[in-house]
Amino acid sequence: MLRARDAMDRAYAQPLDVPALARIAHVSPAHFARTFRATFGETPHRYLQRRRVERAMFLLRESDRSVTDICFEVGFGSPGTFSRTFREIVGRSPRTYRREAVAAGVPTCFTMAWMRPSD
């Protein structure tokens, strides 16, 4: 499970599916999905979405790139899906988040822990 989660962390922007992740973990896809959720408290799909949103949060705070560019860079297929998922996880739209976020002069590890979505 850890190998698959590490692969998701490294390649979050790539299209990843349960069968490919199950092969990395050396288990069947059904067993992988059940065990991943039991181990990490969320489905593989939701974990991957959250990782993508975390990266998008960083890019929204630290760059002036468009929301659409960031959407595609972090691995979402459409701006609509990105905005909906971002709002579900963060609680506000990407544009609102960008407007309200202030890049603080603290170490990245503290910023990541503080800004990490709870869902």
C-alpha atoms as a PDB file:
ATOM      1  CA  MET A   1       0.000   0.000   0.000  1.00  0.00           C
ATOM      2  CA  LEU A   2       2.825   2.375   0.809  1.00  0.00           C
ATOM      3  CA  ARG A   3       4.466   1.764  -2.566  1.00  0.00           C
ATOM      4  CA  ALA A   4       1.218   2.595  -4.347  1.00  0.00           C
ATOM      5  CA  ARG A   5       0.651   5.708  -2.239  1.00  0.00           C
ATOM      6  CA  ASP A   6       4.231   6.836  -2.910  1.00  0.00           C
ATOM      7  CA  ALA A   7       3.648   6.312  -6.640  1.00  0.00           C
ATOM      8  CA  MET A   8       0.520   8.458  -6.384  1.00  0.00           C
ATOM      9  CA  ASP A   9       2.493  11.161  -4.571  1.00  0.00           C
ATOM     10  CA  ARG A  10       5.192  11.162  -7.257  1.00  0.00           C
ATOM     11  CA  ALA A  11       2.953  10.950 -10.313  1.00  0.00           C
ATOM     12  CA  TYR A  12      -0.166  12.773  -9.081  1.00  0.00           C
ATOM     13  CA  ALA A  13      -0.529  14.660 -12.384  1.00  0.00           C
ATOM     14  CA  GLN A  14      -0.500  11.470 -14.466  1.00  0.00           C
ATOM     15  CA  PRO A  15      -3.634   9.439 -15.192  1.00  0.00           C
ATOM     16  CA  LEU A  16      -3.562   6.691 -12.565  1.00  0.00           C
ATOM     17  CA  ASP A  17      -6.151   3.950 -12.237  1.00  0.00           C
ATOM     18  CA  VAL A  18      -6.833   1.312  -9.607  1.00  0.00           C
ATOM     19  CA  PRO A  19      -5.560  -1.651 -11.695  1.00  0.00           C
ATOM     20  CA  ALA A  20      -2.196   0.064 -12.248  1.00  0.00           C
ATOM     21  CA  LEU A  21      -1.894   0.964  -8.573  1.00  0.00           C
ATOM     22  CA  ALA A  22      -2.914  -2.555  -7.564  1.00  0.00           C
ATOM     23  CA  ARG A  23      -0.086  -3.955  -9.707  1.00  0.00           C
ATOM     24  CA  ILE A  24       2.359  -1.707  -7.848  1.00  0.00           C
ATOM     25  CA  ALA A  25       1.011  -3.029  -4.529  1.00  0.00           C
ATOM     26  CA  HIS A  26       1.004  -6.637  -5.870  1.00  0.00           C
ATOM     27  CA  VAL A  27      -2.679  -7.258  -5.077  1.00  0.00           C
ATOM     28  CA  SER A  28      -5.942  -7.494  -7.014  1.00  0.00           C
ATOM     29  CA  PRO A  29      -7.751  -4.241  -7.848  1.00  0.00           C
ATOM     30  CA  ALA A  30     -10.694  -5.029  -5.532  1.00  0.00           C
ATOM     31  CA  HIS A  31      -8.399  -5.926  -2.643  1.00  0.00           C
ATOM     32  CA  PHE A  32      -6.325  -2.818  -3.294  1.00  0.00           C
ATOM     33  CA  ALA A  33      -9.341  -0.489  -3.166  1.00  0.00           C
ATOM     34  CA  ARG A  34     -10.629  -2.053   0.073  1.00  0.00           C
ATOM     35  CA  THR A  35      -7.250  -2.174   1.781  1.00  0.00           C
ATOM     36  CA  PHE A  36      -6.239   1.329   0.706  1.00  0.00           C
ATOM     37  CA  ARG A  37      -9.416   2.780   2.188  1.00  0.00           C
ATOM     38  CA  ALA A  38      -9.005   0.790   5.398  1.00  0.00           C
ATOM     39  CA  THR A  39      -5.352   1.827   5.704  1.00  0.00           C
ATOM     40  CA  PHE A  40      -5.510   5.494   4.741  1.00  0.00           C
ATOM     41  CA  GLY A  41      -9.128   6.388   5.486  1.00  0.00           C
ATOM     42  CA  GLU A  42     -10.085   7.393   1.947  1.00  0.00           C
ATOM     43  CA  THR A  43     -10.439   5.810  -1.458  1.00  0.00           C
ATOM     44  CA  PRO A  44      -7.480   5.849  -3.856  1.00  0.00           C
ATOM     45  CA  HIS A  45      -9.398   8.229  -6.138  1.00  0.00           C
ATOM     46  CA  ARG A  46     -10.114  10.682  -3.312  1.00  0.00           C
ATOM     47  CA  TYR A  47      -6.501  10.524  -2.117  1.00  0.00           C
ATOM     48  CA  LEU A  48      -5.285  11.350  -5.610  1.00  0.00           C
ATOM     49  CA  GLN A  49      -7.779  14.213  -5.911  1.00  0.00           C
ATOM     50  CA  ARG A  50      -6.641  15.622  -2.573  1.00  0.00           C
ATOM     51  CA  ARG A  51      -2.968  15.452  -3.576  1.00  0.00           C
ATOM     52  CA  ARG A  52      -3.778  17.283  -6.808  1.00  0.00           C
ATOM     53  CA  VAL A  53      -5.732  19.947  -4.929  1.00  0.00           C
ATOM     54  CA  GLU A  54      -2.873  20.380  -2.429  1.00  0.00           C
ATOM     55  CA  ARG A  55      -0.489  21.033  -5.301  1.00  0.00           C
ATOM     56  CA  ALA A  56      -2.983  23.401  -6.910  1.00  0.00           C
ATOM     57  CA  MET A  57      -3.276  25.292  -3.614  1.00  0.00           C
ATOM     58  CA  PHE A  58       0.476  25.839  -3.634  1.00  0.00           C
ATOM     59  CA  LEU A  59       0.477  27.006  -7.259  1.00  0.00           C
ATOM     60  CA  LEU A  60      -2.455  29.343  -6.652  1.00  0.00           C
ATOM     61  CA  ARG A  61      -0.620  30.932  -3.710  1.00  0.00           C
ATOM     62  CA  GLU A  62       2.835  31.100  -5.233  1.00  0.00           C
ATOM     63  CA  SER A  63       2.271  31.829  -8.931  1.00  0.00           C
ATOM     64  CA  ASP A  64       0.199  34.074 -11.115  1.00  0.00           C
ATOM     65  CA  ARG A  65      -0.640  31.361 -13.631  1.00  0.00           C
ATOM     66  CA  SER A  66      -4.253  31.031 -14.668  1.00  0.00           C
ATOM     67  CA  VAL A  67      -6.565  28.664 -12.821  1.00  0.00           C
ATOM     68  CA  THR A  68      -7.063  26.736 -16.063  1.00  0.00           C
ATOM     69  CA  ASP A  69      -3.296  26.217 -16.520  1.00  0.00           C
ATOM     70  CA  ILE A  70      -2.989  25.020 -12.935  1.00  0.00           C
ATOM     71  CA  CYS A  71      -5.976  22.711 -13.398  1.00  0.00           C
ATOM     72  CA  PHE A  72      -4.312  20.867 -16.266  1.00  0.00           C
ATOM     73  CA  GLU A  73      -0.841  20.908 -14.704  1.00  0.00           C
ATOM     74  CA  VAL A  74      -1.993  19.077 -11.583  1.00  0.00           C
ATOM     75  CA  GLY A  75      -3.795  16.395 -13.604  1.00  0.00           C
ATOM     76  CA  PHE A  76      -7.452  17.383 -13.849  1.00  0.00           C
ATOM     77  CA  GLY A  77      -9.120  16.874 -17.215  1.00  0.00           C
ATOM     78  CA  SER A  78     -11.460  19.842 -17.135  1.00  0.00           C
ATOM     79  CA  PRO A  79     -11.716  23.182 -15.326  1.00  0.00           C
ATOM     80  CA  GLY A  80     -15.258  22.330 -14.201  1.00  0.00           C
ATOM     81  CA  THR A  81     -14.193  19.131 -12.480  1.00  0.00           C
ATOM     82  CA  PHE A  82     -11.214  20.929 -10.965  1.00  0.00           C
ATOM     83  CA  SER A  83     -13.338  23.762  -9.563  1.00  0.00           C
ATOM     84  CA  ARG A  84     -15.986  21.403  -8.180  1.00  0.00           C
ATOM     85  CA  THR A  85     -13.411  19.115  -6.541  1.00  0.00           C
ATOM     86  CA  PHE A  86     -11.401  22.062  -5.212  1.00  0.00           C
ATOM     87  CA  ARG A  87     -14.530  23.541  -3.625  1.00  0.00           C
ATOM     88  CA  GLU A  88     -15.496  20.166  -2.077  1.00  0.00           C
ATOM     89  CA  ILE A  89     -12.067  19.736  -0.485  1.00  0.00           C
ATOM     90  CA  VAL A  90     -11.070  23.325   0.385  1.00  0.00           C
ATOM     91  CA  GLY A  91     -14.490  24.868   0.935  1.00  0.00           C
ATOM     92  CA  ARG A  92     -14.122  27.709  -1.582  1.00  0.00           C
ATOM     93  CA  SER A  93     -13.440  28.144  -5.271  1.00  0.00           C
ATOM     94  CA  PRO A  94      -9.878  28.283  -6.634  1.00  0.00           C
ATOM     95  CA  ARG A  95     -10.269  31.979  -7.494  1.00  0.00           C
ATOM     96  CA  THR A  96     -11.590  32.828  -4.019  1.00  0.00           C
ATOM     97  CA  TYR A  97      -8.804  30.791  -2.447  1.00  0.00           C
ATOM     98  CA  ARG A  98      -6.194  32.660  -4.487  1.00  0.00           C
ATOM     99  CA  ARG A  99      -7.668  36.029  -3.530  1.00  0.00           C
ATOM    100  CA  GLU A 100      -7.733  35.168   0.182  1.00  0.00           C
ATOM    101  CA  ALA A 101      -4.424  33.275   0.390  1.00  0.00           C
ATOM    102  CA  VAL A 102      -1.369  35.197   1.443  1.00  0.00           C
ATOM    103  CA  ALA A 103       2.041  33.645   0.945  1.00  0.00           C
ATOM    104  CA  ALA A 104       3.545  33.688   4.390  1.00  0.00           C
ATOM    105  CA  GLY A 105       7.273  33.916   5.078  1.00  0.00           C
ATOM    106  CA  VAL A 106       7.406  30.632   6.975  1.00  0.00           C
ATOM    107  CA  PRO A 107       9.012  27.303   6.069  1.00  0.00           C
ATOM    108  CA  THR A 108       7.103  25.291   3.489  1.00  0.00           C
ATOM    109  CA  CYS A 109       6.602  22.354   5.863  1.00  0.00           C
ATOM    110  CA  PHE A 110       4.651  24.574   8.269  1.00  0.00           C
ATOM    111  CA  THR A 111       2.640  26.145   5.459  1.00  0.00           C
ATOM    112  CA  MET A 112       1.752  22.723   4.047  1.00  0.00           C
ATOM    113  CA  ALA A 113       0.652  21.409   7.438  1.00  0.00           C
ATOM    114  CA  TRP A 114      -1.405  24.510   8.162  1.00  0.00           C
ATOM    115  CA  MET A 115      -2.965  24.784   4.698  1.00  0.00           C
ATOM    116  CA  ARG A 116      -3.654  21.043   4.243  1.00  0.00           C
ATOM    117  CA  PRO A 117      -7.343  20.381   3.594  1.00  0.00           C
ATOM    118  CA  SER A 118      -9.056  18.386   6.312  1.00  0.00           C
ATOM    119  CA  ASP A 119     -11.209  16.337   3.929  1.00  0.00           C
END
